[in-house]
Amino acid sequence: MREDFAERMAPDTKIPSVRELAMLLEVNPNTVARSYDFLKQQNIIYDKRGIGYFITIDGVKNAAGYRRQEFVEKEMPLFFRNMFLLGIEPEDLKQKYEKFKKQYS
């Protein structure tokens, strides 16, 4: 699965135009334009004026880094809180996590 994503998001891969993606997702083009601006700020995509938008050399790595940061800052605290409230210790998860990794690797 990771390899398939990496192939589709290889550096310099052209992505849909703002208008194309807005039509595909049935959203306002301004929504897509704002999203593309955000992705440009994160150095995930870049634009070639008059040609389109493309994945940067480190686009996949930067996207994963951003997602990782969001997870650690926003989702992990809730996860830890639930673990604490339920009396679950990190050691309790190790075996389940290893099984999960085997299943998806």
Protein backbone atom coordinates (compact mmCIF):
# COMPACT_ATOMS: atom_id res chain seq x y z
CA MET A 1 0.00 0.00 0.00
CA ARG A 2 2.78 2.44 0.89
CA GLU A 3 4.62 1.62 -2.34
CA ASP A 4 1.50 2.28 -4.41
CA PHE A 5 1.03 5.66 -2.74
CA ALA A 6 4.69 6.54 -3.19
CA GLU A 7 4.48 5.69 -6.89
CA ARG A 8 1.40 7.84 -7.39
CA MET A 9 3.00 10.70 -5.47
CA ALA A 10 6.47 10.46 -6.95
CA PRO A 11 8.40 13.73 -7.24
CA ASP A 12 7.34 15.89 -10.18
CA THR A 13 4.06 13.98 -10.58
CA LYS A 14 1.41 16.34 -11.93
CA ILE A 15 -1.70 16.60 -9.78
CA PRO A 16 -5.16 17.79 -10.90
CA SER A 17 -5.71 21.48 -11.47
CA VAL A 18 -7.75 23.46 -8.96
CA ARG A 19 -10.76 23.39 -11.25
CA GLU A 20 -10.42 19.67 -12.06
CA LEU A 21 -10.17 18.66 -8.42
CA ALA A 22 -13.02 20.96 -7.38
CA MET A 23 -15.27 19.35 -9.99
CA LEU A 24 -14.17 15.85 -8.99
CA LEU A 25 -14.82 16.50 -5.29
CA GLU A 26 -17.86 18.69 -5.94
CA VAL A 27 -16.50 21.55 -3.83
CA ASN A 28 -15.90 25.23 -4.44
CA PRO A 29 -12.66 25.90 -6.38
CA ASN A 30 -11.67 28.39 -3.66
CA THR A 31 -11.59 25.50 -1.18
CA VAL A 32 -9.17 23.57 -3.39
CA ALA A 33 -7.10 26.72 -4.04
CA ARG A 34 -6.73 27.29 -0.28
CA SER A 35 -5.75 23.64 0.19
CA TYR A 36 -3.15 23.90 -2.57
CA ASP A 37 -1.78 27.08 -1.00
CA PHE A 38 -1.42 25.21 2.30
CA LEU A 39 0.34 22.31 0.56
CA LYS A 40 2.70 24.78 -1.13
CA GLN A 41 3.51 26.35 2.26
CA GLN A 42 4.32 22.87 3.59
CA ASN A 43 6.61 22.26 0.57
CA ILE A 44 4.50 19.29 -0.51
CA ILE A 45 3.55 20.67 -3.93
CA TYR A 46 4.78 23.44 -6.20
CA ASP A 47 3.32 25.14 -9.23
CA LYS A 48 4.69 25.84 -12.66
CA ARG A 49 2.85 28.91 -13.80
CA GLY A 50 0.53 28.05 -16.67
CA ILE A 51 1.38 24.32 -16.52
CA GLY A 52 -0.01 23.06 -13.23
CA TYR A 53 0.80 21.70 -9.80
CA PHE A 54 3.40 19.03 -9.07
CA ILE A 55 4.70 17.00 -6.12
CA THR A 56 7.97 18.39 -4.72
CA ILE A 57 11.10 16.26 -4.39
CA ASP A 58 10.41 15.80 -0.65
CA GLY A 59 6.63 16.05 -0.96
CA VAL A 60 5.75 12.61 0.38
CA LYS A 61 8.28 12.94 3.20
CA ASN A 62 7.00 16.42 4.08
CA ALA A 63 3.37 15.24 4.02
CA ALA A 64 4.21 12.31 6.30
CA GLY A 65 6.12 14.64 8.63
CA TYR A 66 3.19 17.03 8.82
CA ARG A 67 0.75 14.19 9.48
CA ARG A 68 3.07 12.74 12.13
CA GLN A 69 3.29 16.13 13.87
CA GLU A 70 -0.50 16.53 13.80
CA PHE A 71 -0.94 13.05 15.24
CA VAL A 72 1.56 13.60 18.05
CA GLU A 73 0.19 17.02 18.99
CA LYS A 74 -3.54 16.46 18.57
CA GLU A 75 -4.48 12.79 18.57
CA MET A 76 -1.91 11.23 20.88
CA PRO A 77 -2.92 13.20 23.99
CA LEU A 78 -6.48 11.86 23.70
CA PHE A 79 -5.16 8.35 23.09
CA PHE A 80 -2.91 8.61 26.19
CA ARG A 81 -5.77 10.01 28.26
CA ASN A 82 -7.96 7.06 27.31
CA MET A 83 -5.15 4.63 28.10
CA PHE A 84 -4.71 6.25 31.50
CA LEU A 85 -8.43 6.23 32.28
CA LEU A 86 -8.74 2.58 31.25
CA GLY A 87 -5.63 1.51 33.12
CA ILE A 88 -3.81 0.40 29.98
CA GLU A 89 -0.02 0.43 30.16
CA PRO A 90 2.25 0.80 27.10
CA GLU A 91 3.52 -2.76 27.63
CA ASP A 92 -0.06 -3.98 27.18
CA LEU A 93 -0.03 -2.67 23.62
CA LYS A 94 3.33 -3.97 22.41
CA GLN A 95 2.14 -7.42 21.30
CA LYS A 96 -0.96 -6.02 19.61
CA TYR A 97 1.10 -3.37 17.80
CA GLU A 98 3.61 -5.96 16.55
CA LYS A 99 0.74 -8.09 15.22
CA PHE A 100 -0.73 -5.04 13.51
CA LYS A 101 2.62 -4.18 11.86
CA LYS A 102 3.00 -7.75 10.53
CA GLN A 103 -0.50 -7.63 9.08
CA TYR A 104 0.10 -4.36 7.22
CA SER A 105 3.73 -4.67 6.16
